[in-house]
Structures are given as C-alpha cells and as structure tokens.
Amino acid sequence: CGPCRAIAPKFEALSYKHQDVVFVKVDTEASGENKALAMEAGIAAFPTFHFYVNAQ
C-alpha cells in the first residue's frame, strides 16, 4: 500500500540505527498464517506498528 511504501525508508533507517532491536515486517496477504497473525494482533489498518519489550 502507499502508506507502507512511504514509511519503509524510515523503518529501514531505524533498523540500522537500533541494531539491538528486532524489526519485523509481516505481509499479511502472503499466507493464511500471516492473516491469522494479523487478526490475532488486532491489526485493522496498515501500516501498524507493535512494540514488544520482554514479550509484552
């Protein structure tokens, strides 16, 4: 989507700047498993960002 493409360079730059953090992109349309993950996480709009510390 357009907003995802617009934020991608900033997301990538942050991943280089904060190499002690795991950055993950999930294509929710790539598989049924990814769609289920998005639904479980309550993702309704794109892009969506979730931040986890100590698995919470």
PDB file of N, CA and C in Angstrom:
ATOM      1  N   CYS A   1       0.846  -1.192   0.000  1.00  0.00           N
ATOM      2  CA  CYS A   1       0.000   0.000   0.000  1.00  0.00           C
ATOM      3  C   CYS A   1       0.885   1.247   0.000  1.00  0.00           C
ATOM      4  N   GLY A   2       0.328   2.335  -0.384  1.00  0.00           N
ATOM      5  CA  GLY A   2       1.066   3.590  -0.449  1.00  0.00           C
ATOM      6  C   GLY A   2       1.664   4.005   0.888  1.00  0.00           C
ATOM      7  N   PRO A   3       0.872   3.997   1.963  1.00  0.00           N
ATOM      8  CA  PRO A   3       1.439   4.375   3.255  1.00  0.00           C
ATOM      9  C   PRO A   3       2.577   3.452   3.700  1.00  0.00           C
ATOM     10  N   CYS A   4       2.474   2.167   3.383  1.00  0.00           N
ATOM     11  CA  CYS A   4       3.543   1.223   3.738  1.00  0.00           C
ATOM     12  C   CYS A   4       4.820   1.547   2.971  1.00  0.00           C
ATOM     13  N   ARG A   5       4.671   1.855   1.689  1.00  0.00           N
ATOM     14  CA  ARG A   5       5.846   2.211   0.880  1.00  0.00           C
ATOM     15  C   ARG A   5       6.453   3.536   1.355  1.00  0.00           C
ATOM     16  N   ALA A   6       5.617   4.447   1.809  1.00  0.00           N
ATOM     17  CA  ALA A   6       6.101   5.750   2.267  1.00  0.00           C
ATOM     18  C   ALA A   6       6.910   5.626   3.556  1.00  0.00           C
ATOM     19  N   ILE A   7       6.501   4.758   4.455  1.00  0.00           N
ATOM     20  CA  ILE A   7       7.193   4.630   5.742  1.00  0.00           C
ATOM     21  C   ILE A   7       8.389   3.679   5.659  1.00  0.00           C
ATOM     22  N   ALA A   8       8.478   2.859   4.633  1.00  0.00           N
ATOM     23  CA  ALA A   8       9.531   1.840   4.522  1.00  0.00           C
ATOM     24  C   ALA A   8      10.947   2.390   4.690  1.00  0.00           C
ATOM     25  N   PRO A   9      11.330   3.496   4.055  1.00  0.00           N
ATOM     26  CA  PRO A   9      12.700   4.004   4.244  1.00  0.00           C
ATOM     27  C   PRO A   9      12.996   4.415   5.688  1.00  0.00           C
ATOM     28  N   LYS A  10      12.011   4.967   6.366  1.00  0.00           N
ATOM     29  CA  LYS A  10      12.198   5.365   7.764  1.00  0.00           C
ATOM     30  C   LYS A  10      12.323   4.139   8.656  1.00  0.00           C
ATOM     31  N   PHE A  11      11.506   3.130   8.376  1.00  0.00           N
ATOM     32  CA  PHE A  11      11.536   1.869   9.119  1.00  0.00           C
ATOM     33  C   PHE A  11      12.910   1.215   8.963  1.00  0.00           C
ATOM     34  N   GLU A  12      13.409   1.192   7.744  1.00  0.00           N
ATOM     35  CA  GLU A  12      14.722   0.606   7.471  1.00  0.00           C
ATOM     36  C   GLU A  12      15.837   1.394   8.155  1.00  0.00           C
ATOM     37  N   ALA A  13      15.741   2.711   8.116  1.00  0.00           N
ATOM     38  CA  ALA A  13      16.754   3.543   8.771  1.00  0.00           C
ATOM     39  C   ALA A  13      16.781   3.289  10.281  1.00  0.00           C
ATOM     40  N   LEU A  14      15.610   3.152  10.876  1.00  0.00           N
ATOM     41  CA  LEU A  14      15.552   2.848  12.306  1.00  0.00           C
ATOM     42  C   LEU A  14      16.184   1.502  12.618  1.00  0.00           C
ATOM     43  N   SER A  15      15.992   0.527  11.718  1.00  0.00           N
ATOM     44  CA  SER A  15      16.564  -0.799  11.955  1.00  0.00           C
ATOM     45  C   SER A  15      18.092  -0.756  11.928  1.00  0.00           C
ATOM     46  N   TYR A  16      18.667   0.117  11.103  1.00  0.00           N
ATOM     47  CA  TYR A  16      20.123   0.274  11.076  1.00  0.00           C
ATOM     48  C   TYR A  16      20.626   1.035  12.301  1.00  0.00           C
ATOM     49  N   LYS A  17      19.857   2.031  12.714  1.00  0.00           N
ATOM     50  CA  LYS A  17      20.252   2.857  13.853  1.00  0.00           C
ATOM     51  C   LYS A  17      20.175   2.085  15.170  1.00  0.00           C
ATOM     52  N   HIS A  18      19.188   1.210  15.294  1.00  0.00           N
ATOM     53  CA  HIS A  18      18.947   0.464  16.537  1.00  0.00           C
ATOM     54  C   HIS A  18      19.150  -1.023  16.282  1.00  0.00           C
ATOM     55  N   GLN A  19      20.381  -1.425  16.104  1.00  0.00           N
ATOM     56  CA  GLN A  19      20.673  -2.805  15.751  1.00  0.00           C
ATOM     57  C   GLN A  19      20.468  -3.785  16.903  1.00  0.00           C
ATOM     58  N   ASP A  20      20.234  -3.280  18.104  1.00  0.00           N
ATOM     59  CA  ASP A  20      19.936  -4.151  19.236  1.00  0.00           C
ATOM     60  C   ASP A  20      18.441  -4.476  19.327  1.00  0.00           C
ATOM     61  N   VAL A  21      17.661  -3.968  18.375  1.00  0.00           N
ATOM     62  CA  VAL A  21      16.217  -4.184  18.325  1.00  0.00           C
ATOM     63  C   VAL A  21      15.896  -5.041  17.108  1.00  0.00           C
ATOM     64  N   VAL A  22      14.932  -5.944  17.264  1.00  0.00           N
ATOM     65  CA  VAL A  22      14.500  -6.777  16.135  1.00  0.00           C
ATOM     66  C   VAL A  22      13.340  -6.072  15.439  1.00  0.00           C
ATOM     67  N   PHE A  23      13.518  -5.749  14.170  1.00  0.00           N
ATOM     68  CA  PHE A  23      12.471  -5.128  13.356  1.00  0.00           C
ATOM     69  C   PHE A  23      11.926  -6.199  12.419  1.00  0.00           C
ATOM     70  N   VAL A  24      10.605  -6.305  12.340  1.00  0.00           N
ATOM     71  CA  VAL A  24       9.982  -7.342  11.521  1.00  0.00           C
ATOM     72  C   VAL A  24       8.868  -6.720  10.688  1.00  0.00           C
ATOM     73  N   LYS A  25       8.830  -7.095   9.426  1.00  0.00           N
ATOM     74  CA  LYS A  25       7.711  -6.716   8.551  1.00  0.00           C
ATOM     75  C   LYS A  25       6.948  -7.991   8.245  1.00  0.00           C
ATOM     76  N   VAL A  26       5.630  -7.925   8.298  1.00  0.00           N
ATOM     77  CA  VAL A  26       4.800  -9.089   8.013  1.00  0.00           C
ATOM     78  C   VAL A  26       3.841  -8.737   6.881  1.00  0.00           C
ATOM     79  N   ASP A  27       3.931  -9.487   5.801  1.00  0.00           N
ATOM     80  CA  ASP A  27       2.998  -9.335   4.685  1.00  0.00           C
ATOM     81  C   ASP A  27       1.766 -10.158   5.018  1.00  0.00           C
ATOM     82  N   THR A  28       0.704  -9.483   5.431  1.00  0.00           N
ATOM     83  CA  THR A  28      -0.492 -10.185   5.901  1.00  0.00           C
ATOM     84  C   THR A  28      -1.253 -10.890   4.780  1.00  0.00           C
ATOM     85  N   GLU A  29      -0.901 -10.596   3.546  1.00  0.00           N
ATOM     86  CA  GLU A  29      -1.570 -11.252   2.426  1.00  0.00           C
ATOM     87  C   GLU A  29      -0.754 -12.413   1.863  1.00  0.00           C
ATOM     88  N   ALA A  30       0.421 -12.671   2.430  1.00  0.00           N
ATOM     89  CA  ALA A  30       1.309 -13.697   1.892  1.00  0.00           C
ATOM     90  C   ALA A  30       0.824 -15.115   2.195  1.00  0.00           C
ATOM     91  N   SER A  31       0.122 -15.278   3.313  1.00  0.00           N
ATOM     92  CA  SER A  31      -0.346 -16.618   3.662  1.00  0.00           C
ATOM     93  C   SER A  31      -1.502 -16.522   4.643  1.00  0.00           C
ATOM     94  N   GLY A  32      -2.198 -17.625   4.771  1.00  0.00           N
ATOM     95  CA  GLY A  32      -3.289 -17.691   5.738  1.00  0.00           C
ATOM     96  C   GLY A  32      -2.771 -17.544   7.160  1.00  0.00           C
ATOM     97  N   GLU A  33      -1.570 -18.070   7.407  1.00  0.00           N
ATOM     98  CA  GLU A  33      -0.969 -17.954   8.730  1.00  0.00           C
ATOM     99  C   GLU A  33      -0.695 -16.492   9.080  1.00  0.00           C
ATOM    100  N   ASN A  34      -0.208 -15.730   8.102  1.00  0.00           N
ATOM    101  CA  ASN A  34       0.047 -14.306   8.341  1.00  0.00           C
ATOM    102  C   ASN A  34      -1.247 -13.545   8.561  1.00  0.00           C
ATOM    103  N   LYS A  35      -2.293 -13.891   7.811  1.00  0.00           N
ATOM    104  CA  LYS A  35      -3.593 -13.246   8.013  1.00  0.00           C
ATOM    105  C   LYS A  35      -4.112 -13.527   9.414  1.00  0.00           C
ATOM    106  N   ALA A  36      -3.967 -14.777   9.865  1.00  0.00           N
ATOM    107  CA  ALA A  36      -4.421 -15.152  11.204  1.00  0.00           C
ATOM    108  C   ALA A  36      -3.636 -14.387  12.268  1.00  0.00           C
ATOM    109  N   LEU A  37      -2.340 -14.235  12.060  1.00  0.00           N
ATOM    110  CA  LEU A  37      -1.500 -13.480  12.995  1.00  0.00           C
ATOM    111  C   LEU A  37      -1.978 -12.035  13.095  1.00  0.00           C
ATOM    112  N   ALA A  38      -2.275 -11.430  11.958  1.00  0.00           N
ATOM    113  CA  ALA A  38      -2.759 -10.050  11.947  1.00  0.00           C
ATOM    114  C   ALA A  38      -4.086  -9.931  12.690  1.00  0.00           C
ATOM    115  N   MET A  39      -4.967 -10.874  12.463  1.00  0.00           N
ATOM    116  CA  MET A  39      -6.262 -10.845  13.155  1.00  0.00           C
ATOM    117  C   MET A  39      -6.066 -11.010  14.661  1.00  0.00           C
ATOM    118  N   GLU A  40      -5.193 -11.933  15.049  1.00  0.00           N
ATOM    119  CA  GLU A  40      -4.927 -12.176  16.466  1.00  0.00           C
ATOM    120  C   GLU A  40      -4.335 -10.937  17.139  1.00  0.00           C
ATOM    121  N   ALA A  41      -3.520 -10.201  16.411  1.00  0.00           N
ATOM    122  CA  ALA A  41      -2.892  -8.990  16.944  1.00  0.00           C
ATOM    123  C   ALA A  41      -3.825  -7.782  16.881  1.00  0.00           C
ATOM    124  N   GLY A  42      -5.007  -7.944  16.298  1.00  0.00           N
ATOM    125  CA  GLY A  42      -5.969  -6.844  16.227  1.00  0.00           C
ATOM    126  C   GLY A  42      -5.614  -5.791  15.210  1.00  0.00           C
ATOM    127  N   ILE A  43      -4.884  -6.173  14.167  1.00  0.00           N
ATOM    128  CA  ILE A  43      -4.481  -5.215  13.147  1.00  0.00           C
ATOM    129  C   ILE A  43      -5.641  -4.976  12.185  1.00  0.00           C
ATOM    130  N   ALA A  44      -6.043  -3.703  12.077  1.00  0.00           N
ATOM    131  CA  ALA A  44      -7.170  -3.362  11.218  1.00  0.00           C
ATOM    132  C   ALA A  44      -6.804  -2.332  10.153  1.00  0.00           C
ATOM    133  N   ALA A  45      -5.639  -1.700  10.284  1.00  0.00           N
ATOM    134  CA  ALA A  45      -5.201  -0.678   9.329  1.00  0.00           C
ATOM    135  C   ALA A  45      -3.718  -0.857   9.074  1.00  0.00           C
ATOM    136  N   PHE A  46      -3.288  -0.377   7.920  1.00  0.00           N
ATOM    137  CA  PHE A  46      -1.887  -0.546   7.545  1.00  0.00           C
ATOM    138  C   PHE A  46      -1.263   0.792   7.207  1.00  0.00           C
ATOM    139  N   PRO A  47      -0.030   1.027   7.564  1.00  0.00           N
ATOM    140  CA  PRO A  47       0.814   0.159   8.379  1.00  0.00           C
ATOM    141  C   PRO A  47       0.449   0.261   9.859  1.00  0.00           C
ATOM    142  N   THR A  48       0.719  -0.798  10.581  1.00  0.00           N
ATOM    143  CA  THR A  48       0.506  -0.860  12.022  1.00  0.00           C
ATOM    144  C   THR A  48       1.835  -1.220  12.662  1.00  0.00           C
ATOM    145  N   PHE A  49       2.154  -0.609  13.779  1.00  0.00           N
ATOM    146  CA  PHE A  49       3.398  -0.888  14.489  1.00  0.00           C
ATOM    147  C   PHE A  49       3.091  -1.371  15.885  1.00  0.00           C
ATOM    148  N   HIS A  50       3.708  -2.474  16.247  1.00  0.00           N
ATOM    149  CA  HIS A  50       3.603  -3.008  17.604  1.00  0.00           C
ATOM    150  C   HIS A  50       5.007  -3.039  18.191  1.00  0.00           C
ATOM    151  N   PHE A  51       5.110  -2.670  19.453  1.00  0.00           N
ATOM    152  CA  PHE A  51       6.392  -2.664  20.146  1.00  0.00           C
ATOM    153  C   PHE A  51       6.283  -3.614  21.328  1.00  0.00           C
ATOM    154  N   TYR A  52       7.212  -4.548  21.411  1.00  0.00           N
ATOM    155  CA  TYR A  52       7.207  -5.519  22.495  1.00  0.00           C
ATOM    156  C   TYR A  52       8.507  -5.414  23.280  1.00  0.00           C
ATOM    157  N   VAL A  53       8.383  -5.435  24.595  1.00  0.00           N
ATOM    158  CA  VAL A  53       9.537  -5.466  25.479  1.00  0.00           C
ATOM    159  C   VAL A  53       9.328  -6.651  26.411  1.00  0.00           C
ATOM    160  N   ASN A  54      10.307  -7.544  26.420  1.00  0.00           N
ATOM    161  CA  ASN A  54      10.206  -8.763  27.219  1.00  0.00           C
ATOM    162  C   ASN A  54       8.920  -9.524  26.910  1.00  0.00           C
ATOM    163  N   ALA A  55       8.628  -9.662  25.636  1.00  0.00           N
ATOM    164  CA  ALA A  55       7.476 -10.425  25.109  1.00  0.00           C
ATOM    165  C   ALA A  55       6.121  -9.831  25.500  1.00  0.00           C
ATOM    166  N   GLN A  56       6.101  -8.594  25.932  1.00  0.00           N
ATOM    167  CA  GLN A  56       4.816  -7.974  26.283  1.00  0.00           C
ATOM    168  C   GLN A  56       4.632  -6.684  25.519  1.00  0.00           C
TER     169      GLN A  56
END
